[in-house]
Each structure stands twice: as C-alpha cells, then as structure tokens.
Amino acid sequence: MGGSNMASLNASRQMMR
C-alpha cells in the first residue's frame, strides 16, 4: 500500500501542477 500510494500521489501532484 506504500508504493502504490506513492505512484497515485505522484500522478495527482503532476496533474495539479
């Protein structure tokens, strides 16, 4: 649940940028 969560957060942060 850590790696998968990190990837999701990364994508969300890039889209918000």
PDB file of N, CA and C in Angstrom:
ATOM      1  N   MET A   1       0.849  -1.216   0.000  1.00  0.00           N
ATOM      2  CA  MET A   1       0.000   0.000   0.000  1.00  0.00           C
ATOM      3  C   MET A   1       0.882   1.264   0.000  1.00  0.00           C
ATOM      4  N   GLY A   2       2.169   1.078   0.129  1.00  0.00           N
ATOM      5  CA  GLY A   2       3.058   2.263   0.141  1.00  0.00           C
ATOM      6  C   GLY A   2       3.456   2.662  -1.270  1.00  0.00           C
ATOM      7  N   GLY A   3       4.040   1.742  -1.993  1.00  0.00           N
ATOM      8  CA  GLY A   3       4.479   2.064  -3.372  1.00  0.00           C
ATOM      9  C   GLY A   3       3.284   2.490  -4.223  1.00  0.00           C
ATOM     10  N   SER A   4       2.199   1.727  -4.126  1.00  0.00           N
ATOM     11  CA  SER A   4       1.008   2.059  -4.957  1.00  0.00           C
ATOM     12  C   SER A   4       0.501   3.455  -4.580  1.00  0.00           C
ATOM     13  N   ASN A   5       0.493   3.749  -3.309  1.00  0.00           N
ATOM     14  CA  ASN A   5       0.007   5.070  -2.856  1.00  0.00           C
ATOM     15  C   ASN A   5       0.932   6.177  -3.369  1.00  0.00           C
ATOM     16  N   MET A   6       2.200   5.933  -3.316  1.00  0.00           N
ATOM     17  CA  MET A   6       3.189   6.943  -3.780  1.00  0.00           C
ATOM     18  C   MET A   6       2.971   7.248  -5.264  1.00  0.00           C
ATOM     19  N   ALA A   7       2.762   6.230  -6.049  1.00  0.00           N
ATOM     20  CA  ALA A   7       2.567   6.429  -7.502  1.00  0.00           C
ATOM     21  C   ALA A   7       1.300   7.258  -7.723  1.00  0.00           C
ATOM     22  N   SER A   8       0.268   6.950  -6.978  1.00  0.00           N
ATOM     23  CA  SER A   8      -1.012   7.685  -7.129  1.00  0.00           C
ATOM     24  C   SER A   8      -0.796   9.156  -6.750  1.00  0.00           C
ATOM     25  N   LEU A   9      -0.082   9.376  -5.695  1.00  0.00           N
ATOM     26  CA  LEU A   9       0.162  10.764  -5.241  1.00  0.00           C
ATOM     27  C   LEU A   9       0.994  11.520  -6.280  1.00  0.00           C
ATOM     28  N   ASN A  10       1.968  10.849  -6.831  1.00  0.00           N
ATOM     29  CA  ASN A  10       2.832  11.481  -7.849  1.00  0.00           C
ATOM     30  C   ASN A  10       1.996  11.919  -9.047  1.00  0.00           C
ATOM     31  N   ALA A  11       1.153  11.059  -9.536  1.00  0.00           N
ATOM     32  CA  ALA A  11       0.316  11.383 -10.713  1.00  0.00           C
ATOM     33  C   ALA A  11      -0.618  12.546 -10.358  1.00  0.00           C
ATOM     34  N   SER A  12      -1.184  12.490  -9.190  1.00  0.00           N
ATOM     35  CA  SER A  12      -2.121  13.563  -8.766  1.00  0.00           C
ATOM     36  C   SER A  12      -1.370  14.898  -8.673  1.00  0.00           C
ATOM     37  N   ARG A  13      -0.194  14.846  -8.164  1.00  0.00           N
ATOM     38  CA  ARG A  13       0.597  16.111  -7.982  1.00  0.00           C
ATOM     39  C   ARG A  13       0.976  16.642  -9.369  1.00  0.00           C
ATOM     40  N   GLN A  14       1.342  15.806 -10.274  1.00  0.00           N
ATOM     41  CA  GLN A  14       1.753  16.289 -11.623  1.00  0.00           C
ATOM     42  C   GLN A  14       0.532  16.887 -12.333  1.00  0.00           C
ATOM     43  N   MET A  15      -0.615  16.279 -12.162  1.00  0.00           N
ATOM     44  CA  MET A  15      -1.838  16.790 -12.834  1.00  0.00           C
ATOM     45  C   MET A  15      -2.225  18.151 -12.224  1.00  0.00           C
ATOM     46  N   MET A  16      -2.068  18.284 -10.944  1.00  0.00           N
ATOM     47  CA  MET A  16      -2.419  19.557 -10.259  1.00  0.00           C
ATOM     48  C   MET A  16      -1.455  20.657 -10.725  1.00  0.00           C
ATOM     49  N   ARG A  17      -0.232  20.267 -11.021  1.00  0.00           N
ATOM     50  CA  ARG A  17       0.778  21.281 -11.430  1.00  0.00           C
ATOM     51  C   ARG A  17       0.321  21.818 -12.755  1.00  0.00           C
TER      52      ARG A  17
END
